[in-house]
Amino acid sequence: MVPCSEVQLARSFMGVFESQLLAPEFTALLRDPNSRTTDVIPVLDLCFLYSLVWSVGAVIDDAGRRAYTVHLRKATQKVHKLESGKLLKFERSCHIPEGGQDAHEYYVD
């Protein structure tokens, strides 16, 4: 694992996430008058997960990647209750697939 601070990890995450949100494909989806919230939310979830994997998950070694993948699979399959009482849940299409691959081996298509 590469030593880094929480601030560095958060900054890295925000940089990757911002690049995903500014990508031509995502901005076109947002500008499309026929797009609905139900079209945008799954793509936003995928961008979030991709950013998490390639920022926080980028500083760990191979053994850590396997553990990180297991943790992300579990975390994305649960429903989380937020402080406001709202529920947070990733769409089924946004789960990291089960199998032998680490989360780092998937991409947003």
Protein backbone atom coordinates (compact mmCIF):
# COMPACT_ATOMS: atom_id res chain seq x y z
CA MET A 1 0.00 0.00 0.00
CA VAL A 2 1.20 3.48 -0.81
CA PRO A 3 1.05 5.79 2.22
CA CYS A 4 -1.30 8.72 1.71
CA SER A 5 -3.61 10.92 3.72
CA GLU A 6 -7.40 10.89 3.73
CA VAL A 7 -7.32 14.34 2.14
CA GLN A 8 -5.18 13.02 -0.73
CA LEU A 9 -7.57 10.11 -1.26
CA ALA A 10 -10.61 12.41 -1.24
CA ARG A 11 -8.93 14.81 -3.66
CA SER A 12 -7.98 11.96 -5.96
CA PHE A 13 -11.53 10.60 -5.85
CA MET A 14 -13.02 14.00 -6.68
CA GLY A 15 -10.62 14.46 -9.60
CA VAL A 16 -11.49 11.10 -11.15
CA PHE A 17 -15.22 11.59 -10.45
CA GLU A 18 -15.18 15.06 -12.01
CA SER A 19 -13.50 13.69 -15.14
CA GLN A 20 -16.26 11.07 -15.41
CA LEU A 21 -18.99 13.69 -15.02
CA LEU A 22 -17.41 15.93 -17.66
CA ALA A 23 -17.00 13.09 -20.16
CA PRO A 24 -18.83 13.75 -23.45
CA GLU A 25 -21.01 10.65 -23.05
CA PHE A 26 -22.31 11.72 -19.63
CA THR A 27 -22.87 15.35 -20.56
CA ALA A 28 -24.73 14.24 -23.70
CA LEU A 29 -26.98 12.07 -21.54
CA LEU A 30 -27.71 15.02 -19.26
CA ARG A 31 -28.46 17.34 -22.19
CA ASP A 32 -30.70 14.87 -23.96
CA PRO A 33 -34.28 16.13 -23.53
CA ASN A 34 -35.53 12.52 -23.58
CA SER A 35 -33.31 11.45 -20.66
CA ARG A 36 -35.08 10.67 -17.42
CA THR A 37 -33.71 10.45 -13.91
CA THR A 38 -33.99 6.67 -14.17
CA ASP A 39 -31.56 6.84 -17.13
CA VAL A 40 -29.04 9.09 -15.37
CA ILE A 41 -28.86 7.53 -11.88
CA PRO A 42 -27.35 4.16 -12.93
CA VAL A 43 -24.69 5.92 -15.02
CA LEU A 44 -23.92 8.23 -12.09
CA ASP A 45 -23.60 5.18 -9.81
CA LEU A 46 -21.18 3.55 -12.26
CA CYS A 47 -19.09 6.71 -12.48
CA PHE A 48 -18.99 6.87 -8.67
CA LEU A 49 -17.81 3.26 -8.36
CA TYR A 50 -15.24 3.66 -11.12
CA SER A 51 -13.88 6.76 -9.37
CA LEU A 52 -13.76 4.97 -6.02
CA VAL A 53 -11.86 2.03 -7.49
CA TRP A 54 -9.32 4.19 -9.32
CA SER A 55 -8.68 6.65 -6.50
CA VAL A 56 -8.93 4.94 -3.11
CA GLY A 57 -8.33 1.51 -4.63
CA ALA A 58 -5.34 2.69 -6.62
CA VAL A 59 -3.02 2.85 -3.60
CA ILE A 60 -3.32 -0.80 -2.54
CA ASP A 61 -1.30 -3.86 -3.54
CA ASP A 62 -2.61 -7.06 -5.16
CA ALA A 63 -3.68 -8.69 -1.90
CA GLY A 64 -5.41 -5.48 -0.87
CA ARG A 65 -7.21 -5.32 -4.22
CA ARG A 66 -8.82 -8.69 -3.61
CA ALA A 67 -10.02 -7.63 -0.15
CA TYR A 68 -11.15 -4.24 -1.51
CA THR A 69 -13.15 -5.95 -4.26
CA VAL A 70 -14.89 -8.21 -1.73
CA HIS A 71 -15.72 -5.17 0.42
CA LEU A 72 -17.07 -3.17 -2.55
CA ARG A 73 -19.23 -6.08 -3.70
CA LYS A 74 -20.80 -6.34 -0.25
CA ALA A 75 -21.17 -2.58 0.18
CA THR A 76 -22.89 -2.06 -3.17
CA GLN A 77 -25.37 -4.87 -2.65
CA LYS A 78 -26.70 -3.55 0.66
CA VAL A 79 -29.19 -0.78 1.28
CA HIS A 80 -27.67 1.92 3.47
CA LYS A 81 -29.65 4.29 5.67
CA LEU A 82 -28.39 7.87 5.57
CA GLU A 83 -28.50 10.32 8.48
CA SER A 84 -31.44 12.07 6.85
CA GLY A 85 -33.41 8.82 7.02
CA LYS A 86 -33.25 8.31 3.25
CA LEU A 87 -32.09 5.03 1.80
CA LEU A 88 -29.08 4.70 -0.48
CA LYS A 89 -28.92 1.74 -2.82
CA PHE A 90 -26.97 1.03 -6.00
CA GLU A 91 -28.99 -0.19 -8.97
CA ARG A 92 -28.49 -3.91 -9.70
CA SER A 93 -26.80 -3.00 -12.98
CA CYS A 94 -24.15 -1.09 -10.99
CA HIS A 95 -22.96 -3.95 -8.79
CA ILE A 96 -19.46 -5.26 -9.25
CA PRO A 97 -20.01 -8.67 -10.86
CA GLU A 98 -19.27 -11.81 -8.87
CA GLY A 99 -16.37 -13.82 -10.14
CA GLY A 100 -12.63 -14.08 -9.95
CA GLN A 101 -11.82 -10.62 -11.26
CA ASP A 102 -10.86 -7.69 -9.08
CA ALA A 103 -12.88 -4.48 -9.31
CA HIS A 104 -9.91 -2.90 -11.10
CA GLU A 105 -10.46 -5.18 -14.09
CA TYR A 106 -13.91 -3.77 -14.95
CA TYR A 107 -14.73 -0.56 -16.78
CA VAL A 108 -17.75 1.61 -17.41
CA ASP A 109 -19.27 0.96 -20.82
